[in-house]
Amino acid sequence: TGIGSDSERFALQVLLWVVGTGAFLFAGSGKRPSIVWASVAPLVAGLWCGLNLHFAAIQGSWVLFLNVRFAGELCVAIAMFAVWFEFHRHRESLVSGGGEARSVVFWSGLALLLYFLSAEAYGWCRQLAEKNQQGDWLALMSLTVTWSIYAAVVLGIGFAVRQRSMRIAALCLFAVTGAKVVLFDLSGVDQVYRIVSFLVLGILMIVAAYLYHKAEGMLRD
């Protein structure tokens, strides 16, 4: 499997803490929503174990997204969104501070999931550097693809749930991705191809901005 003993130990700890988080959420899903606050403690412990799992070394080759380390990381992200959902569902009955905690958990979950996906894709492509001379370039491009897809998904969800902050965050990620393409991904490309790429990227950004404002106007109507 390419997974060391430390990774297996941390993965088991993540699973136990995530199950504990789920148990508190289930207990508080009925008439006692205040118990939802208790789910924060095992969530933080699971997050700590998930970060330890992330930095644990993977020995040998491994399969992209189909390994114990990423499975544990994904469980942590899902637990964070589950806690956010319960905070959101009981927002009217929770004591003061629930709104702030809900926002912290939600945005932390989004950022952490992006980091885990990026690290997974980048690390897997770095493996190819030993077999392929373009491995470093593929690793950089994997981040571009991951960020673009993630931003598109967040943007789509932001429109679906009418959440403007999510749409703005997705646009910011698109902007960072575009800057990365210009400054890093195309640094080794011939001048002519760079000019053509800049023109195409500029046209795409103009079209995207037009479509965004048009869609946002439809939401207001």
Protein backbone atom coordinates (compact mmCIF):
# COMPACT_ATOMS: atom_id res chain seq x y z
CA THR A 1 0.00 0.00 0.00
CA GLY A 2 2.97 2.34 0.51
CA ILE A 3 1.60 3.41 3.90
CA GLY A 4 3.87 3.33 6.91
CA SER A 5 2.92 2.27 10.42
CA ASP A 6 2.71 5.90 11.62
CA SER A 7 0.19 6.68 8.90
CA GLU A 8 -1.92 3.67 9.82
CA ARG A 9 -1.87 4.70 13.49
CA PHE A 10 -2.84 8.29 12.74
CA ALA A 11 -5.53 7.12 10.30
CA LEU A 12 -7.08 4.96 13.02
CA GLN A 13 -7.03 7.89 15.45
CA VAL A 14 -8.69 10.11 12.84
CA LEU A 15 -11.40 7.53 12.33
CA LEU A 16 -12.08 7.25 16.07
CA TRP A 17 -12.29 11.03 16.59
CA VAL A 18 -14.49 11.48 13.51
CA VAL A 19 -16.84 8.79 14.79
CA GLY A 20 -16.90 10.59 18.16
CA THR A 21 -17.77 13.85 16.39
CA GLY A 22 -20.58 12.10 14.55
CA ALA A 23 -21.91 10.65 17.79
CA PHE A 24 -22.20 14.10 19.40
CA LEU A 25 -23.84 15.49 16.27
CA PHE A 26 -26.35 12.66 16.25
CA ALA A 27 -27.10 13.17 19.94
CA GLY A 28 -27.67 16.88 19.40
CA SER A 29 -29.70 16.54 16.21
CA GLY A 30 -32.96 16.10 18.13
CA LYS A 31 -34.25 18.22 20.98
CA ARG A 32 -30.87 19.01 22.55
CA PRO A 33 -29.00 21.12 19.98
CA SER A 34 -26.67 22.49 22.68
CA ILE A 35 -24.86 19.13 22.55
CA VAL A 36 -23.66 20.15 19.10
CA TRP A 37 -21.10 22.36 20.85
CA ALA A 38 -19.58 19.23 22.39
CA SER A 39 -18.73 17.94 18.89
CA VAL A 40 -16.10 20.68 18.55
CA ALA A 41 -13.70 18.94 20.96
CA PRO A 42 -13.43 15.61 19.09
CA LEU A 43 -13.40 17.56 15.82
CA VAL A 44 -10.31 19.51 16.92
CA ALA A 45 -8.65 16.29 18.08
CA GLY A 46 -9.49 14.63 14.74
CA LEU A 47 -8.10 17.64 12.90
CA TRP A 48 -4.84 17.40 14.84
CA CYS A 49 -4.53 13.70 14.05
CA GLY A 50 -5.43 14.43 10.42
CA LEU A 51 -2.59 16.94 10.14
CA ASN A 52 -0.20 14.41 11.69
CA LEU A 53 -1.47 11.86 9.20
CA HIS A 54 -0.90 14.32 6.37
CA PHE A 55 2.75 14.89 7.26
CA ALA A 56 3.48 11.24 7.93
CA ALA A 57 5.76 9.85 5.25
CA ILE A 58 4.34 7.56 2.58
CA GLN A 59 6.82 4.89 1.63
CA GLY A 60 7.04 3.77 -2.00
CA SER A 61 4.50 4.48 -4.71
CA TRP A 62 0.84 5.22 -4.00
CA VAL A 63 -2.36 5.77 -5.93
CA LEU A 64 -3.80 9.25 -6.35
CA PHE A 65 -6.75 9.82 -3.95
CA LEU A 66 -6.93 6.06 -3.25
CA ASN A 67 -4.73 5.77 -0.18
CA VAL A 68 -5.13 5.69 3.59
CA ARG A 69 -3.69 9.17 4.11
CA PHE A 70 -6.12 10.97 1.80
CA ALA A 71 -9.04 8.89 3.11
CA GLY A 72 -8.29 10.11 6.62
CA GLU A 73 -7.92 13.70 5.44
CA LEU A 74 -11.23 13.48 3.60
CA CYS A 75 -12.93 12.16 6.75
CA VAL A 76 -11.69 15.20 8.68
CA ALA A 77 -13.03 17.59 6.02
CA ILE A 78 -16.40 15.82 5.93
CA ALA A 79 -16.62 15.99 9.73
CA MET A 80 -15.97 19.74 9.62
CA PHE A 81 -18.77 20.29 7.12
CA ALA A 82 -21.07 18.06 9.18
CA VAL A 83 -20.41 20.19 12.26
CA TRP A 84 -21.03 23.34 10.22
CA PHE A 85 -24.32 21.90 8.94
CA GLU A 86 -25.58 21.17 12.45
CA PHE A 87 -24.54 24.63 13.65
CA HIS A 88 -26.38 26.09 10.68
CA ARG A 89 -29.47 23.93 11.24
CA HIS A 90 -29.73 24.93 14.91
CA ARG A 91 -28.55 28.52 14.45
CA GLU A 92 -31.67 29.96 16.09
CA SER A 93 -31.54 27.81 19.23
CA LEU A 94 -27.80 27.84 19.90
CA VAL A 95 -26.32 30.25 22.44
CA SER A 96 -24.40 33.34 21.36
CA GLY A 97 -21.23 32.63 19.43
CA GLY A 98 -22.79 29.98 17.26
CA GLY A 99 -22.71 32.20 14.18
CA GLU A 100 -19.00 32.93 14.55
CA ALA A 101 -18.18 29.29 15.22
CA ARG A 102 -20.23 28.26 12.18
CA SER A 103 -18.29 30.64 9.93
CA VAL A 104 -14.91 29.53 11.28
CA VAL A 105 -15.70 25.84 10.79
CA PHE A 106 -17.10 26.39 7.29
CA TRP A 107 -14.26 28.47 5.88
CA SER A 108 -11.63 26.38 7.64
CA GLY A 109 -13.18 23.29 6.09
CA LEU A 110 -13.10 24.82 2.61
CA ALA A 111 -9.48 25.93 2.99
CA LEU A 112 -8.37 22.61 4.48
CA LEU A 113 -10.06 20.57 1.76
CA LEU A 114 -8.36 22.69 -0.90
CA TYR A 115 -5.01 22.17 0.80
CA PHE A 116 -5.48 18.41 1.08
CA LEU A 117 -6.53 18.10 -2.58
CA SER A 118 -3.64 20.28 -3.72
CA ALA A 119 -1.06 18.42 -1.66
CA GLU A 120 -2.38 15.06 -2.86
CA ALA A 121 -2.23 16.02 -6.55
CA TYR A 122 1.14 17.77 -6.23
CA GLY A 123 2.75 14.96 -4.24
CA TRP A 124 1.53 12.30 -6.64
CA CYS A 125 2.86 14.19 -9.66
CA ARG A 126 6.18 14.69 -7.90
CA GLN A 127 6.50 10.91 -7.96
CA LEU A 128 6.56 11.12 -11.72
CA ALA A 129 9.64 13.34 -11.57
CA GLU A 130 11.72 10.23 -11.05
CA LYS A 131 10.31 8.62 -14.21
CA ASN A 132 9.53 11.66 -16.33
CA GLN A 133 11.67 14.72 -17.03
CA GLN A 134 8.52 16.85 -17.00
CA GLY A 135 7.51 15.69 -13.54
CA ASP A 136 8.15 19.11 -11.94
CA TRP A 137 6.08 20.86 -14.58
CA LEU A 138 3.30 18.30 -14.20
CA ALA A 139 3.28 18.92 -10.44
CA LEU A 140 2.80 22.67 -11.00
CA MET A 141 0.08 22.04 -13.56
CA SER A 142 -1.69 19.67 -11.16
CA LEU A 143 -2.14 22.59 -8.78
CA THR A 144 -3.54 24.73 -11.60
CA VAL A 145 -6.05 22.06 -12.56
CA THR A 146 -6.99 21.33 -8.93
CA TRP A 147 -7.50 25.00 -8.06
CA SER A 148 -9.49 25.67 -11.23
CA ILE A 149 -11.86 22.74 -10.67
CA TYR A 150 -12.23 23.59 -6.98
CA ALA A 151 -12.96 27.24 -7.74
CA ALA A 152 -15.53 26.25 -10.36
CA VAL A 153 -17.29 23.92 -7.92
CA VAL A 154 -17.33 26.52 -5.13
CA LEU A 155 -18.60 29.14 -7.59
CA GLY A 156 -21.39 26.81 -8.74
CA ILE A 157 -22.39 26.03 -5.16
CA GLY A 158 -22.29 29.73 -4.34
CA PHE A 159 -24.79 30.45 -7.09
CA ALA A 160 -26.94 27.45 -6.15
CA VAL A 161 -27.27 28.45 -2.49
CA ARG A 162 -27.18 32.20 -3.24
CA GLN A 163 -24.08 32.72 -1.10
CA ARG A 164 -22.17 35.75 -2.38
CA SER A 165 -19.16 35.21 -0.09
CA MET A 166 -18.54 31.80 -1.66
CA ARG A 167 -18.71 33.29 -5.14
CA ILE A 168 -16.21 36.00 -4.22
CA ALA A 169 -13.87 33.40 -2.68
CA ALA A 170 -14.09 31.32 -5.87
CA LEU A 171 -13.27 34.36 -8.02
CA CYS A 172 -10.27 35.15 -5.81
CA LEU A 173 -9.04 31.59 -6.25
CA PHE A 174 -9.50 31.92 -10.01
CA ALA A 175 -7.42 35.11 -9.90
CA VAL A 176 -4.65 33.41 -7.92
CA THR A 177 -4.71 30.50 -10.38
CA GLY A 178 -4.43 32.87 -13.32
CA ALA A 179 -1.48 34.65 -11.72
CA LYS A 180 0.20 31.29 -11.08
CA VAL A 181 -0.24 30.32 -14.74
CA VAL A 182 1.37 33.56 -15.89
CA LEU A 183 4.24 33.63 -13.38
CA PHE A 184 5.12 29.96 -13.07
CA ASP A 185 3.40 27.57 -15.47
CA LEU A 186 4.38 29.52 -18.60
CA SER A 187 7.83 30.60 -17.44
CA GLY A 188 9.56 27.98 -19.56
CA VAL A 189 7.40 28.37 -22.67
CA ASP A 190 8.59 30.15 -25.82
CA GLN A 191 7.77 33.84 -26.11
CA VAL A 192 5.24 33.40 -28.93
CA TYR A 193 3.28 30.76 -27.04
CA ARG A 194 3.35 32.90 -23.91
CA ILE A 195 1.81 35.84 -25.79
CA VAL A 196 -0.89 33.61 -27.26
CA SER A 197 -1.56 32.11 -23.83
CA PHE A 198 -1.89 35.56 -22.27
CA LEU A 199 -4.38 36.60 -24.96
CA VAL A 200 -6.46 33.46 -24.47
CA LEU A 201 -6.35 33.85 -20.69
CA GLY A 202 -7.42 37.50 -20.97
CA ILE A 203 -10.35 36.63 -23.24
CA LEU A 204 -11.46 33.86 -20.89
CA MET A 205 -11.33 36.21 -17.90
CA ILE A 206 -13.43 38.82 -19.75
CA VAL A 207 -16.01 36.20 -20.74
CA ALA A 208 -16.07 34.79 -17.20
CA ALA A 209 -16.59 38.26 -15.71
CA TYR A 210 -19.44 38.96 -18.13
CA LEU A 211 -21.16 35.65 -17.37
CA TYR A 212 -20.69 36.17 -13.63
CA HIS A 213 -22.29 39.59 -13.60
CA LYS A 214 -25.11 38.37 -15.82
CA ALA A 215 -25.82 35.41 -13.52
CA GLU A 216 -25.61 37.60 -10.42
CA GLY A 217 -28.07 40.03 -12.00
CA MET A 218 -30.49 37.18 -12.61
CA LEU A 219 -30.25 36.22 -8.92
CA ARG A 220 -31.14 39.76 -7.89
CA ASP A 221 -34.15 39.77 -10.19
